[in-house]
Amino acid sequence: MNRWRAVGRLASGLLLGVLIAMPFGCSSRDEMREEDLPAAVQEANRALAAAEAALKAANIEISFENVSELDSLREVLPDPDELAKPETQDNLEVAITEFYNVFDAMEVSLDPLELMALERNVPASPAQLKDLGLSTSDQALVHLYLGYLYALDAVSRLQQAGEDLFQIAYPRDLVSGKVYEFQLLVDIQGMSPDEVIALFGPEQRQAVLDAVALLTGGKINVGGLTPDLDPTVFRRSAIYHVAQAVLLANEISPQLKNALDDLDTTVNEQLAAEILREVESWGFTLEALPAELLNIVQ
């Protein structure tokens, strides 16, 4: 038969379905050997293994097995100081690339990213999901990992560039609902946005622009600078991938859908929107955002 499906589990910890391809009707993974698998499935398996190796090299150990833990990013977000190493960022980006390679190998297309100008107030339209050979649960998990890694990459960039001006930290008030706090380390009381932005050096400005783009996919600029991200690595944003995981989870189980709804809210309201509000008050210009963030930020 010429149609294949993904079944099984990745034994070594990512908790993604191993892409052991079997034609419909086969009852056991033992009926096929690795070398008998389609080339696409072998490539997807290779990419999963490479993604896991990159996460281990970055000292990032995560598990999304218990859906009850997904309602708070605090359960799976590492200490920001642990992310403040260039080699950690490099490994995160290798993992991101390899997860996209899984999608590419299994011919899962990403829907176009639509941005809305800030003066418009239009509700988000759910993306049209495609069933092109990778199981719904595997697609949801790849999106979930991508959203998580985008968020970590954003934090890594900010932590590396912040120096004595700003930092990302765990919230001081644990009942605030925040997952991270984006804090200026200087007193800006009474300063105008133009005066505040003058405190930011070129590398710090670029880190903020890139982090906002990674989290939201939105357009933001300051002094003519715009995000500088490699489009061959970064194809979407954290909120895009978490939103896609939510839509797919709706097809899997109400429990998973509810958990990911909470996670989606956390990413949008407690991480992305929190940083957007801060940077706008510091003199960065927000030009366009995904529709789901408009009501939160405005």
Protein backbone atom coordinates (compact mmCIF):
# COMPACT_ATOMS: atom_id res chain seq x y z
CA MET A 1 0.00 0.00 0.00
CA ASN A 2 1.24 3.52 -0.72
CA ARG A 3 -0.04 5.36 2.31
CA TRP A 4 1.84 5.26 5.61
CA ARG A 5 1.12 6.32 9.14
CA ALA A 6 3.21 7.10 12.23
CA VAL A 7 2.80 4.94 15.31
CA GLY A 8 4.71 4.09 18.47
CA ARG A 9 6.88 6.15 20.83
CA LEU A 10 10.34 7.57 20.93
CA ALA A 11 11.89 5.44 23.62
CA SER A 12 14.58 7.87 24.71
CA GLY A 13 12.44 10.66 26.13
CA LEU A 14 10.89 13.15 23.71
CA LEU A 15 7.56 11.36 24.00
CA LEU A 16 6.83 11.90 20.34
CA GLY A 17 5.48 9.09 18.25
CA VAL A 18 8.38 7.28 16.61
CA LEU A 19 7.82 7.41 12.91
CA ILE A 20 7.80 3.64 12.46
CA ALA A 21 5.83 3.50 9.26
CA MET A 22 3.53 0.62 8.58
CA PRO A 23 0.94 0.22 5.86
CA PHE A 24 -2.61 0.13 7.13
CA GLY A 25 -3.37 -3.42 8.12
CA CYS A 26 0.00 -4.22 9.69
CA SER A 27 -0.48 -5.07 13.34
CA SER A 28 3.08 -5.01 14.67
CA ARG A 29 6.08 -2.74 14.35
CA ASP A 30 8.15 -5.95 14.20
CA GLU A 31 6.72 -6.63 10.76
CA MET A 32 9.02 -3.99 9.27
CA ARG A 33 12.71 -3.27 9.60
CA GLU A 34 14.23 0.21 9.64
CA GLU A 35 15.77 -0.27 6.22
CA ASP A 36 12.35 -1.24 4.84
CA LEU A 37 10.79 2.07 5.86
CA PRO A 38 10.13 4.76 3.27
CA ALA A 39 12.97 7.27 2.90
CA ALA A 40 10.74 10.03 4.27
CA VAL A 41 10.13 8.13 7.49
CA GLN A 42 13.80 7.31 7.90
CA GLU A 43 14.60 11.01 7.52
CA ALA A 44 11.94 11.94 10.09
CA ASN A 45 13.41 9.41 12.53
CA ARG A 46 16.89 10.85 11.96
CA ALA A 47 15.59 14.38 12.58
CA LEU A 48 13.89 13.35 15.83
CA ALA A 49 17.09 11.77 17.09
CA ALA A 50 19.08 14.87 16.15
CA ALA A 51 16.56 17.14 17.89
CA GLU A 52 16.82 15.10 21.07
CA ALA A 53 20.62 15.17 20.94
CA ALA A 54 20.58 18.96 20.56
CA LEU A 55 18.24 19.32 23.56
CA LYS A 56 20.53 17.16 25.67
CA ALA A 57 23.53 19.23 24.57
CA ALA A 58 21.63 22.34 25.68
CA ASN A 59 20.90 20.65 29.03
CA ILE A 60 17.18 20.96 28.33
CA GLU A 61 15.19 18.00 29.59
CA ILE A 62 11.46 18.35 29.08
CA SER A 63 8.47 16.06 29.13
CA PHE A 64 4.96 16.80 27.98
CA GLU A 65 3.68 13.37 29.01
CA ASN A 66 1.53 14.63 31.90
CA VAL A 67 -1.02 17.00 30.38
CA SER A 68 -1.98 18.27 33.83
CA GLU A 69 1.39 20.04 33.96
CA LEU A 70 0.82 21.96 30.75
CA ASP A 71 -1.39 24.66 32.25
CA SER A 72 1.64 26.58 33.45
CA LEU A 73 4.82 27.21 31.55
CA ARG A 74 6.54 27.56 34.90
CA GLU A 75 6.50 23.77 35.11
CA VAL A 76 8.75 23.39 32.08
CA LEU A 77 10.67 26.66 31.71
CA PRO A 78 14.27 26.53 32.97
CA ASP A 79 16.04 29.21 34.97
CA PRO A 80 16.79 32.05 32.51
CA ASP A 81 20.40 32.17 33.69
CA GLU A 82 20.82 28.61 32.41
CA LEU A 83 19.91 29.83 28.92
CA ALA A 84 22.40 32.72 28.85
CA LYS A 85 25.07 30.88 26.87
CA PRO A 86 25.65 31.20 23.11
CA GLU A 87 26.15 27.44 22.81
CA THR A 88 22.76 26.87 24.46
CA GLN A 89 21.12 29.11 21.88
CA ASP A 90 22.97 27.28 19.09
CA ASN A 91 21.67 23.92 20.31
CA LEU A 92 18.12 25.24 20.65
CA GLU A 93 18.25 26.33 17.03
CA VAL A 94 19.57 22.96 15.89
CA ALA A 95 16.60 21.34 17.66
CA ILE A 96 14.17 23.78 16.03
CA THR A 97 15.64 23.02 12.60
CA GLU A 98 15.35 19.29 13.15
CA PHE A 99 11.72 19.46 14.31
CA TYR A 100 10.93 21.34 11.10
CA ASN A 101 12.78 18.60 9.23
CA VAL A 102 10.27 16.14 10.70
CA PHE A 103 7.44 18.17 9.19
CA ASP A 104 9.29 18.48 5.88
CA ALA A 105 10.01 14.77 5.67
CA MET A 106 6.37 13.88 6.36
CA GLU A 107 5.05 16.64 4.06
CA VAL A 108 3.23 18.62 6.73
CA SER A 109 2.73 22.15 5.41
CA LEU A 110 2.53 25.23 7.61
CA ASP A 111 -0.24 27.69 6.93
CA PRO A 112 0.68 31.26 5.97
CA LEU A 113 1.28 33.62 8.88
CA GLU A 114 -1.19 36.50 8.80
CA LEU A 115 -0.36 39.72 10.63
CA MET A 116 -2.87 42.44 11.43
CA ALA A 117 -2.06 46.14 11.66
CA LEU A 118 -2.44 47.38 15.23
CA GLU A 119 -5.28 49.76 14.42
CA ARG A 120 -7.42 46.83 13.30
CA ASN A 121 -9.37 44.75 15.76
CA VAL A 122 -10.17 41.53 13.97
CA PRO A 123 -10.58 38.16 15.68
CA ALA A 124 -8.15 35.42 14.80
CA SER A 125 -9.09 32.88 12.16
CA PRO A 126 -8.03 29.31 12.93
CA ALA A 127 -5.57 27.87 10.46
CA GLN A 128 -6.66 25.09 8.19
CA LEU A 129 -4.86 21.97 9.37
CA LYS A 130 -3.64 19.46 6.87
CA ASP A 131 -3.50 15.67 7.30
CA LEU A 132 -0.55 14.72 5.13
CA GLY A 133 0.71 11.52 6.71
CA LEU A 134 1.85 12.46 10.24
CA SER A 135 -0.62 11.53 12.96
CA THR A 136 -2.64 14.26 14.66
CA SER A 137 -1.00 13.58 18.02
CA ASP A 138 2.49 13.70 16.52
CA GLN A 139 1.74 16.95 14.71
CA ALA A 140 0.46 18.47 17.95
CA LEU A 141 3.57 17.41 19.85
CA VAL A 142 5.97 18.75 17.22
CA HIS A 143 4.11 22.09 17.32
CA LEU A 144 4.26 22.05 21.12
CA TYR A 145 8.00 21.44 21.18
CA LEU A 146 8.56 24.14 18.57
CA GLY A 147 6.55 26.68 20.56
CA TYR A 148 8.50 25.81 23.70
CA LEU A 149 11.88 26.07 21.95
CA TYR A 150 11.01 29.39 20.32
CA ALA A 151 10.23 30.81 23.76
CA LEU A 152 13.53 29.51 25.17
CA ASP A 153 15.47 30.94 22.23
CA ALA A 154 13.88 34.35 22.83
CA VAL A 155 14.82 34.25 26.51
CA SER A 156 18.36 33.13 25.65
CA ARG A 157 18.89 36.11 23.35
CA LEU A 158 17.57 38.58 25.91
CA GLN A 159 19.63 37.11 28.74
CA GLN A 160 22.82 37.20 26.70
CA ALA A 161 22.38 40.83 25.65
CA GLY A 162 20.87 42.35 28.80
CA GLU A 163 24.08 43.03 30.72
CA ASP A 164 23.38 45.74 33.32
CA LEU A 165 20.30 47.10 31.52
CA PHE A 166 17.65 44.36 31.59
CA GLN A 167 17.14 40.73 32.52
CA ILE A 168 14.63 37.90 32.35
CA ALA A 169 13.90 36.37 35.75
CA TYR A 170 11.40 34.20 37.54
CA PRO A 171 8.62 36.40 38.99
CA ARG A 172 9.16 37.68 42.51
CA ASP A 173 5.42 37.37 43.17
CA LEU A 174 4.60 33.71 42.62
CA VAL A 175 0.84 34.35 42.75
CA SER A 176 1.00 36.89 39.92
CA GLY A 177 0.48 34.22 37.27
CA LYS A 178 3.56 35.38 35.37
CA VAL A 179 6.06 32.83 34.11
CA TYR A 180 8.98 35.18 33.54
CA GLU A 181 9.46 38.86 34.26
CA PHE A 182 11.21 41.17 31.81
CA GLN A 183 12.88 43.69 34.10
CA LEU A 184 14.86 46.86 33.51
CA LEU A 185 17.72 47.12 35.99
CA VAL A 186 17.84 50.93 35.93
CA ASP A 187 15.41 53.49 37.31
CA ILE A 188 13.46 55.04 34.43
CA GLN A 189 10.86 56.85 36.50
CA GLY A 190 10.08 60.18 34.87
CA MET A 191 11.91 59.31 31.64
CA SER A 192 10.28 59.54 28.23
CA PRO A 193 10.32 56.56 25.83
CA ASP A 194 12.97 58.37 23.75
CA GLU A 195 15.16 58.72 26.83
CA VAL A 196 14.64 55.07 27.78
CA ILE A 197 15.43 53.70 24.33
CA ALA A 198 18.64 55.75 24.30
CA LEU A 199 19.89 53.50 27.11
CA PHE A 200 19.75 50.47 24.80
CA GLY A 201 22.86 49.69 22.78
CA PRO A 202 22.67 48.16 19.28
CA GLU A 203 23.00 44.55 20.50
CA GLN A 204 20.38 45.07 23.19
CA ARG A 205 17.94 46.61 20.73
CA GLN A 206 18.49 43.74 18.30
CA ALA A 207 17.96 41.14 21.01
CA VAL A 208 14.61 42.70 21.94
CA LEU A 209 13.49 42.90 18.31
CA ASP A 210 14.47 39.29 17.67
CA ALA A 211 12.88 38.01 20.90
CA VAL A 212 9.55 39.69 20.14
CA ALA A 213 9.57 38.25 16.63
CA LEU A 214 10.34 34.76 17.97
CA LEU A 215 7.53 34.94 20.50
CA THR A 216 4.88 36.63 18.40
CA GLY A 217 5.88 36.75 14.74
CA GLY A 218 4.91 40.43 14.83
CA LYS A 219 6.58 43.41 13.21
CA ILE A 220 8.45 45.72 15.59
CA ASN A 221 11.18 48.25 14.95
CA VAL A 222 13.30 50.91 16.59
CA GLY A 223 15.52 53.44 14.86
CA GLY A 224 15.21 51.64 11.55
CA LEU A 225 16.29 48.28 12.98
CA THR A 226 14.07 45.26 12.36
CA PRO A 227 14.29 41.62 13.48
CA ASP A 228 17.29 39.75 12.10
CA LEU A 229 16.34 36.07 12.15
CA ASP A 230 17.44 33.34 9.77
CA PRO A 231 14.27 32.45 7.80
CA THR A 232 15.68 29.00 7.05
CA VAL A 233 15.59 28.27 10.80
CA PHE A 234 12.69 30.34 12.08
CA ARG A 235 9.55 29.87 10.00
CA ARG A 236 6.83 30.96 12.47
CA SER A 237 6.63 31.95 16.17
CA ALA A 238 6.00 30.53 19.61
CA ILE A 239 2.36 31.60 19.71
CA TYR A 240 1.74 30.23 16.21
CA HIS A 241 2.98 26.77 17.12
CA VAL A 242 1.17 26.60 20.47
CA ALA A 243 -2.05 27.74 18.75
CA GLN A 244 -1.65 24.96 16.17
CA ALA A 245 -1.10 22.43 18.95
CA VAL A 246 -4.35 23.60 20.58
CA LEU A 247 -6.32 23.19 17.36
CA LEU A 248 -4.94 19.70 16.85
CA ALA A 249 -5.51 18.74 20.49
CA ASN A 250 -9.20 19.43 19.98
CA GLU A 251 -9.22 16.40 17.69
CA ILE A 252 -7.49 14.19 20.28
CA SER A 253 -9.12 14.63 23.70
CA PRO A 254 -10.98 17.26 25.78
CA GLN A 255 -8.41 16.90 28.58
CA LEU A 256 -5.49 17.69 26.29
CA LYS A 257 -7.44 20.52 24.63
CA ASN A 258 -8.18 22.14 28.02
CA ALA A 259 -4.56 21.84 29.15
CA LEU A 260 -3.26 23.36 25.93
CA ASP A 261 -5.88 26.13 26.05
CA ASP A 262 -4.38 27.16 29.38
CA LEU A 263 -0.90 26.94 27.93
CA ASP A 264 -1.96 29.04 24.95
CA THR A 265 -3.28 31.70 27.33
CA THR A 266 -0.03 31.60 29.29
CA VAL A 267 2.09 32.09 26.16
CA ASN A 268 -0.11 34.91 24.82
CA GLU A 269 -0.97 36.84 27.96
CA GLN A 270 1.78 36.08 30.45
CA LEU A 271 4.79 35.94 28.16
CA ALA A 272 4.34 37.52 24.73
CA ALA A 273 1.92 40.30 25.70
CA GLU A 274 3.86 41.06 28.89
CA ILE A 275 7.03 41.73 26.92
CA LEU A 276 5.16 43.67 24.23
CA ARG A 277 3.70 46.06 26.79
CA GLU A 278 7.09 46.65 28.32
CA VAL A 279 9.02 47.28 25.11
CA GLU A 280 6.38 49.61 23.71
CA SER A 281 6.66 51.77 26.83
CA TRP A 282 10.44 51.80 26.34
CA GLY A 283 10.28 53.32 22.87
CA PHE A 284 10.04 50.32 20.53
CA THR A 285 7.36 50.62 17.82
CA LEU A 286 4.85 47.79 17.34
CA GLU A 287 3.64 47.79 13.75
CA ALA A 288 1.66 44.58 13.28
CA LEU A 289 0.81 41.53 15.34
CA PRO A 290 -1.02 38.23 14.92
CA ALA A 291 -4.73 38.84 15.37
CA GLU A 292 -4.94 36.82 18.59
CA LEU A 293 -2.64 39.30 20.33
CA LEU A 294 -4.42 42.50 19.28
CA ASN A 295 -7.10 42.47 21.98
CA ILE A 296 -4.57 41.56 24.64
CA VAL A 297 -2.12 44.34 23.84
CA GLN A 298 -4.51 47.14 22.90
